[in-house]
């Protein structure tokens, strides 16, 4: 097995690289420039990996479809949802290793993926939505699975959210990339009152066709919903109904889905 990490510029010129048989760790000195990307190479498709794209971004347990992952280093508007420490400075550490079976089948939040990218559909979990407020990165669907749960304000990091652009038909889907068994879904909603409104009802739909209608209230605490789903590959949140509060704004901070990978 050979793993690789390569940092390259917009022209494809290599800034730093490393290869390893079991665990690849790349420490490199230099500053990122707009257009830079990080390429992670893996020997097989459909396996789980533990990936770090930056020492200021949490490691992610992800399933890769294909034998690599290209991670675009964020700049400008795309940088806003990340900590200002991320991808900054002139020394960086990146890593990748295989996920052990005991890690893969451990109980936890199977929706979380701090390295999800807006247009990347080969790395899972992955979040997508049919509406994102003004098309701004701070309101992209990916923010709802990045693991950051601060919800008492809005704007730049750590307050990035999924913003549904005020649409009645807005919905967000989290794809797991493999069958999972779930026993709880948790919604963390933005609670920047009185700036924010809140949702009083919503609906969860699962890949197997099961539906769960939800009731919510004005709260800064997580909304917890027990479920009993086996072998599902995605969950969708939709049919969002706001309260009669005059504020037009409501937003999702995190969608968490707790359970284990299906052993099939």
Protein backbone atom coordinates (compact mmCIF):
# COMPACT_ATOMS: atom_id res chain seq x y z
CA UNK A 1 0.00 0.00 0.00
CA UNK A 2 1.29 3.45 -0.92
CA UNK A 3 -0.16 6.69 0.41
CA UNK A 4 0.86 10.09 -0.89
CA UNK A 5 0.35 13.77 -0.13
CA UNK A 6 1.27 16.48 -2.62
CA UNK A 7 0.93 20.25 -2.39
CA UNK A 8 0.90 21.91 -5.79
CA UNK A 9 0.18 25.32 -7.24
CA UNK A 10 -2.37 26.32 -9.86
CA UNK A 11 0.04 25.30 -12.63
CA UNK A 12 0.51 21.83 -11.18
CA UNK A 13 4.02 22.55 -9.95
CA UNK A 14 4.88 20.60 -6.81
CA UNK A 15 5.64 22.60 -3.66
CA UNK A 16 6.04 19.61 -1.35
CA UNK A 17 5.25 15.90 -1.35
CA UNK A 18 5.65 12.68 0.60
CA UNK A 19 4.92 8.97 0.14
CA UNK A 20 4.57 6.30 2.81
CA UNK A 21 3.40 2.72 3.14
CA UNK A 22 1.25 2.99 6.25
CA UNK A 23 0.85 6.57 7.45
CA UNK A 24 1.82 9.62 5.42
CA UNK A 25 2.69 12.86 7.23
CA UNK A 26 3.81 15.93 5.32
CA UNK A 27 5.36 18.90 7.11
CA UNK A 28 6.28 21.67 4.72
CA UNK A 29 7.54 25.23 5.01
CA UNK A 30 6.03 27.88 2.80
CA UNK A 31 2.93 30.01 2.38
CA UNK A 32 -0.17 28.94 0.50
CA UNK A 33 -1.09 30.97 -2.57
CA UNK A 34 -4.43 31.27 -4.31
CA UNK A 35 -4.94 28.29 -6.61
CA UNK A 36 -2.92 25.89 -4.47
CA UNK A 37 -4.36 22.43 -3.90
CA UNK A 38 -3.56 19.37 -1.85
CA UNK A 39 -3.71 15.92 -3.43
CA UNK A 40 -4.07 12.82 -1.28
CA UNK A 41 -3.38 9.54 -3.05
CA UNK A 42 -4.70 6.19 -1.82
CA UNK A 43 -4.33 2.70 -3.29
CA UNK A 44 -7.99 1.60 -3.29
CA UNK A 45 -11.46 3.06 -3.84
CA UNK A 46 -14.30 2.77 -1.32
CA UNK A 47 -12.21 2.59 1.85
CA UNK A 48 -12.19 4.79 4.94
CA UNK A 49 -9.30 7.13 5.73
CA UNK A 50 -8.30 9.53 8.48
CA UNK A 51 -7.30 12.79 6.79
CA UNK A 52 -5.84 16.04 8.06
CA UNK A 53 -5.70 18.93 5.60
CA UNK A 54 -4.27 21.44 8.09
CA UNK A 55 -3.16 21.51 11.71
CA UNK A 56 -5.94 24.03 12.47
CA UNK A 57 -8.70 21.87 10.89
CA UNK A 58 -9.98 18.78 12.71
CA UNK A 59 -9.00 15.39 11.31
CA UNK A 60 -11.78 13.80 9.31
CA UNK A 61 -12.83 10.16 8.96
CA UNK A 62 -13.92 9.94 5.34
CA UNK A 63 -14.81 7.42 2.67
CA UNK A 64 -13.09 8.11 -0.64
CA UNK A 65 -14.56 6.93 -3.93
CA UNK A 66 -11.65 6.81 -6.29
CA UNK A 67 -7.94 6.63 -5.55
CA UNK A 68 -7.45 10.19 -4.46
CA UNK A 69 -8.82 13.39 -3.04
CA UNK A 70 -8.10 16.87 -4.35
CA UNK A 71 -8.55 19.52 -1.68
CA UNK A 72 -8.68 23.11 -2.88
CA UNK A 73 -6.99 25.44 -0.39
CA UNK A 74 -9.65 28.06 0.40
CA UNK A 75 -9.11 31.75 -0.29
CA UNK A 76 -11.33 34.81 -0.31
CA UNK A 77 -15.02 34.10 0.30
CA UNK A 78 -14.28 30.37 0.57
CA UNK A 79 -11.97 31.03 3.53
CA UNK A 80 -14.65 32.68 5.74
CA UNK A 81 -16.09 29.43 7.22
CA UNK A 82 -12.64 28.34 8.49
CA UNK A 83 -10.64 29.41 11.52
CA UNK A 84 -8.30 32.31 10.66
CA UNK A 85 -5.47 30.05 11.84
CA UNK A 86 -6.24 27.48 9.11
CA UNK A 87 -3.90 27.40 6.10
CA UNK A 88 -2.08 30.44 7.52
CA UNK A 89 1.60 30.97 8.27
CA UNK A 90 4.64 29.32 6.77
CA UNK A 91 4.64 25.86 8.34
CA UNK A 92 1.93 23.25 7.73
CA UNK A 93 1.25 19.64 8.71
CA UNK A 94 -0.94 17.26 6.72
CA UNK A 95 -1.54 13.53 7.14
CA UNK A 96 -3.47 10.48 5.97
CA UNK A 97 -3.80 6.92 7.26
CA UNK A 98 -6.21 4.04 6.95
CA UNK A 99 -9.10 3.84 9.40
CA UNK A 100 -8.92 0.73 11.56
CA UNK A 101 -12.02 -1.50 11.80
CA UNK A 102 -12.53 -0.65 15.47
CA UNK A 103 -12.61 3.03 14.50
CA UNK A 104 -14.87 2.54 11.51
CA UNK A 105 -17.50 0.60 13.44
CA UNK A 106 -17.36 2.73 16.58
CA UNK A 107 -20.45 4.65 17.66
CA UNK A 108 -20.45 8.35 16.85
CA UNK A 109 -21.65 11.22 14.69
CA UNK A 110 -21.51 9.73 11.18
CA UNK A 111 -22.45 13.00 9.48
CA UNK A 112 -19.43 15.02 10.55
CA UNK A 113 -16.81 15.90 7.94
CA UNK A 114 -14.66 19.00 8.56
CA UNK A 115 -13.07 18.67 5.10
CA UNK A 116 -16.26 18.47 3.04
CA UNK A 117 -16.10 20.67 -0.07
CA UNK A 118 -18.98 22.31 -1.87
CA UNK A 119 -18.52 20.60 -5.22
CA UNK A 120 -16.69 17.41 -4.22
CA UNK A 121 -18.80 14.26 -4.63
CA UNK A 122 -16.09 11.64 -4.09
CA UNK A 123 -15.49 12.25 -0.38
CA UNK A 124 -18.12 11.29 2.21
CA UNK A 125 -19.94 12.34 4.33
CA UNK A 126 -21.02 15.07 1.92
CA UNK A 127 -23.69 17.75 2.34
CA UNK A 128 -25.62 19.35 -0.50
CA UNK A 129 -28.64 21.61 -0.66
CA UNK A 130 -31.03 23.06 -3.22
CA UNK A 131 -30.69 26.55 -1.71
CA UNK A 132 -27.79 28.43 -0.12
CA UNK A 133 -28.24 32.06 0.90
CA UNK A 134 -26.89 34.39 -1.80
CA UNK A 135 -24.52 31.62 -2.91
CA UNK A 136 -22.06 32.67 -0.19
CA UNK A 137 -19.61 30.16 1.30
CA UNK A 138 -20.56 31.14 4.85
CA UNK A 139 -24.02 29.66 4.11
CA UNK A 140 -22.99 26.53 2.18
CA UNK A 141 -24.44 23.14 3.11
CA UNK A 142 -20.97 21.88 4.05
CA UNK A 143 -20.97 24.15 7.09
CA UNK A 144 -23.73 22.02 8.65
CA UNK A 145 -21.42 19.01 8.96
CA UNK A 146 -18.09 20.66 9.82
CA UNK A 147 -18.36 19.86 13.53
CA UNK A 148 -18.44 23.51 14.68
CA UNK A 149 -21.46 24.06 16.94
CA UNK A 150 -21.23 27.73 18.02
CA UNK A 151 -24.71 29.16 17.49
CA UNK A 152 -25.07 32.41 19.45
CA UNK A 153 -24.18 34.77 16.60
CA UNK A 154 -23.86 34.90 12.80
CA UNK A 155 -21.28 35.83 10.20
CA UNK A 156 -17.68 34.67 9.98
CA UNK A 157 -16.11 31.62 11.68
CA UNK A 158 -17.12 30.04 14.02
CA UNK A 159 -20.64 31.06 12.98
CA UNK A 160 -20.90 29.59 9.47
CA UNK A 161 -24.23 27.85 8.85
CA UNK A 162 -26.42 26.37 6.20
CA UNK A 163 -28.61 29.28 5.13
CA UNK A 164 -31.69 28.24 3.14
CA UNK A 165 -32.15 31.58 1.34
CA UNK A 166 -35.62 31.93 2.89
CA UNK A 167 -37.10 29.39 0.47
CA UNK A 168 -40.10 27.32 1.53
CA UNK A 169 -38.88 24.37 -0.55
CA UNK A 170 -35.32 24.44 0.81
CA UNK A 171 -33.79 21.13 1.86
CA UNK A 172 -30.38 19.79 2.80
CA UNK A 173 -29.15 16.25 2.21
CA UNK A 174 -26.27 14.54 4.02
CA UNK A 175 -24.89 11.56 2.10
CA UNK A 176 -22.91 9.01 4.09
CA UNK A 177 -21.41 7.22 1.09
CA UNK A 178 -22.13 3.79 2.62
CA UNK A 179 -24.95 2.11 4.61
CA UNK A 180 -25.19 3.22 8.23
CA UNK A 181 -27.42 2.41 11.22
CA UNK A 182 -28.74 5.45 13.08
CA UNK A 183 -30.46 5.85 16.45
CA UNK A 184 -30.46 9.65 16.83
CA UNK A 185 -30.46 12.79 14.70
CA UNK A 186 -29.48 16.08 16.35
CA UNK A 187 -30.13 19.52 14.91
CA UNK A 188 -28.24 22.54 16.19
CA UNK A 189 -30.05 25.65 14.98
CA UNK A 190 -28.74 29.20 15.03
CA UNK A 191 -29.93 31.10 18.09
CA UNK A 192 -28.78 34.68 17.53
CA UNK A 193 -31.97 36.12 19.02
CA UNK A 194 -33.57 38.57 18.28
CA UNK A 195 -31.79 38.60 14.90
CA UNK A 196 -32.99 35.05 14.24
CA UNK A 197 -36.31 33.34 13.84
CA UNK A 198 -36.58 29.60 14.51
CA UNK A 199 -38.21 26.57 12.95
CA UNK A 200 -41.24 25.11 14.69
CA UNK A 201 -41.48 22.05 12.48
CA UNK A 202 -39.48 20.13 9.90
CA UNK A 203 -39.25 16.68 8.33
CA UNK A 204 -36.50 14.09 8.12
CA UNK A 205 -36.56 11.70 5.16
CA UNK A 206 -34.21 8.73 4.93
CA UNK A 207 -32.92 6.85 1.88
CA UNK A 208 -35.12 3.85 2.73
CA UNK A 209 -38.27 6.00 2.47
CA UNK A 210 -38.86 6.42 6.21
CA UNK A 211 -40.13 9.85 7.28
CA UNK A 212 -39.98 11.53 10.68
CA UNK A 213 -41.93 14.74 11.40
CA UNK A 214 -40.21 17.03 13.88
CA UNK A 215 -41.38 19.68 16.32
CA UNK A 216 -38.95 22.34 17.55
CA UNK A 217 -38.99 25.39 19.76
CA UNK A 218 -37.02 28.57 20.39
CA UNK A 219 -33.80 27.29 21.94
CA UNK A 220 -30.03 27.60 21.86
CA UNK A 221 -29.69 23.91 22.80
CA UNK A 222 -29.48 20.89 20.46
CA UNK A 223 -32.78 19.45 19.23
CA UNK A 224 -32.56 15.66 19.72
CA UNK A 225 -34.70 13.14 17.84
CA UNK A 226 -34.51 9.38 18.39
CA UNK A 227 -34.71 7.32 15.19
CA UNK A 228 -34.35 3.66 14.29
CA UNK A 229 -32.85 3.43 10.81
CA UNK A 230 -30.87 0.52 9.38
CA UNK A 231 -28.75 0.52 6.25
CA UNK A 232 -29.53 4.10 5.17
CA UNK A 233 -27.18 5.98 2.86
CA UNK A 234 -28.54 9.52 3.26
CA UNK A 235 -30.82 11.71 5.35
CA UNK A 236 -32.69 14.80 4.15
CA UNK A 237 -34.01 17.71 6.21
CA UNK A 238 -36.82 19.70 4.63
CA UNK A 239 -40.35 21.09 5.02
CA UNK A 240 -38.93 23.76 7.31
CA UNK A 241 -41.57 26.01 8.87
CA UNK A 242 -40.61 29.15 10.77
CA UNK A 243 -42.44 30.60 13.76
CA UNK A 244 -44.57 33.74 13.43
CA UNK A 245 -41.67 35.85 14.75
CA UNK A 246 -41.08 38.81 12.40
CA UNK A 247 -37.41 37.95 11.71
CA UNK A 248 -36.94 36.38 8.26
CA UNK A 249 -33.73 34.57 9.25
CA UNK A 250 -33.36 30.97 10.39
CA UNK A 251 -30.31 28.79 9.85
CA UNK A 252 -28.89 25.34 10.58
CA UNK A 253 -25.58 25.18 12.43
CA UNK A 254 -25.16 21.36 12.49
CA UNK A 255 -26.94 18.21 11.42
CA UNK A 256 -25.57 15.31 13.44
CA UNK A 257 -26.47 11.67 12.83
CA UNK A 258 -25.46 9.18 15.52
CA UNK A 259 -24.95 5.49 15.03
CA UNK A 260 -22.55 2.98 13.48
CA UNK A 261 -21.57 1.79 10.03
CA UNK A 262 -23.77 -1.11 8.95
CA UNK A 263 -21.88 -4.40 9.11
CA UNK A 264 -23.07 -5.86 5.81
